[in-house]
Amino acid sequence: MRKACELVGGFLLFQGLIGIVHELIGWFRLMAMIRLLPFLDGYELCTSIGLAVVGLLVVAVAEESGKSPSGSLIPDADRARPE
């Protein structure tokens, strides 16, 4: 599951960056898939920035979920509390 999230996040990040470059410079015309969606006409740059941010967040969450927690899950679980 983590690997799939990393792939999806990487794809979204890639498409966002390609869309930004396409809108600002005009390169990568065939790779920018945002321009193929007619309902986003005029909002390609904003959508590309949003895609890049969402892709970065998905990759970051996937990376963080793969780490094991350090130490005990419950702090001081071996000690009884005085009541």
Protein backbone atom coordinates (compact mmCIF):
# COMPACT_ATOMS: atom_id res chain seq x y z
CA MET A 1 0.00 0.00 0.00
CA ARG A 2 2.84 2.38 0.84
CA LYS A 3 4.49 1.77 -2.53
CA ALA A 4 1.23 2.46 -4.37
CA CYS A 5 0.80 5.73 -2.48
CA GLU A 6 4.35 6.73 -3.35
CA LEU A 7 3.71 5.99 -7.03
CA VAL A 8 0.45 7.95 -7.10
CA GLY A 9 2.02 10.84 -5.20
CA GLY A 10 5.03 10.82 -7.50
CA PHE A 11 2.77 10.87 -10.56
CA LEU A 12 0.74 13.79 -9.18
CA LEU A 13 3.91 15.69 -8.28
CA PHE A 14 5.38 15.01 -11.72
CA GLN A 15 2.23 16.14 -13.52
CA GLY A 16 2.05 19.26 -11.37
CA LEU A 17 5.65 20.23 -12.08
CA ILE A 18 5.28 19.49 -15.79
CA GLY A 19 2.11 21.59 -15.88
CA ILE A 20 3.87 24.50 -14.15
CA VAL A 21 6.78 24.37 -16.59
CA HIS A 22 4.37 24.13 -19.53
CA GLU A 23 2.35 27.15 -18.40
CA LEU A 24 5.36 29.33 -17.61
CA ILE A 25 7.78 28.37 -20.38
CA GLY A 26 5.74 26.41 -22.93
CA TRP A 27 7.84 23.23 -22.84
CA PHE A 28 6.51 19.67 -22.36
CA ARG A 29 3.35 20.34 -24.37
CA LEU A 30 2.63 16.65 -24.88
CA MET A 31 3.30 15.63 -21.28
CA ALA A 32 1.07 18.15 -19.48
CA MET A 33 -2.22 16.32 -19.03
CA ILE A 34 -3.98 19.25 -17.33
CA ARG A 35 -4.35 21.05 -20.64
CA LEU A 36 -6.47 18.17 -21.96
CA LEU A 37 -9.26 18.83 -19.47
CA PRO A 38 -11.62 21.44 -21.01
CA PHE A 39 -13.31 22.42 -17.72
CA LEU A 40 -9.98 23.71 -16.36
CA ASP A 41 -9.56 26.26 -19.16
CA GLY A 42 -7.88 29.31 -17.68
CA TYR A 43 -6.98 27.59 -14.40
CA GLU A 44 -4.14 25.39 -15.61
CA LEU A 45 -1.41 27.06 -13.55
CA CYS A 46 -3.41 27.00 -10.30
CA THR A 47 -4.38 23.39 -10.91
CA SER A 48 -0.78 22.41 -11.62
CA ILE A 49 0.42 24.06 -8.42
CA GLY A 50 -2.33 22.26 -6.51
CA LEU A 51 -1.38 18.93 -8.07
CA ALA A 52 2.27 19.43 -7.14
CA VAL A 53 1.35 20.25 -3.53
CA VAL A 54 -1.05 17.30 -3.21
CA GLY A 55 1.53 14.98 -4.76
CA LEU A 56 4.19 16.16 -2.33
CA LEU A 57 1.82 15.63 0.61
CA VAL A 58 0.89 12.12 -0.53
CA VAL A 59 4.56 11.16 -0.88
CA ALA A 60 5.38 12.66 2.53
CA VAL A 61 2.52 10.82 4.24
CA ALA A 62 3.48 7.55 2.55
CA GLU A 63 7.08 7.96 3.69
CA GLU A 64 6.02 8.80 7.24
CA SER A 65 3.64 5.87 7.49
CA GLY A 66 6.43 3.45 6.64
CA LYS A 67 8.53 4.41 9.64
CA SER A 68 8.24 2.43 12.84
CA PRO A 69 7.71 4.40 16.03
CA SER A 70 10.72 4.78 18.24
CA GLY A 71 10.40 3.63 21.81
CA SER A 72 7.30 2.48 23.57
CA LEU A 73 3.89 3.41 22.20
CA ILE A 74 2.68 4.29 25.69
CA PRO A 75 5.23 6.34 27.63
CA ASP A 76 6.08 4.91 31.03
CA ALA A 77 3.79 1.93 30.47
CA ASP A 78 5.85 -0.30 32.73
CA ARG A 79 5.37 1.95 35.77
CA ALA A 80 2.17 2.03 37.75
CA ARG A 81 0.76 5.43 38.55
CA PRO A 82 0.28 6.33 42.16
CA GLU A 83 -3.36 7.12 42.81
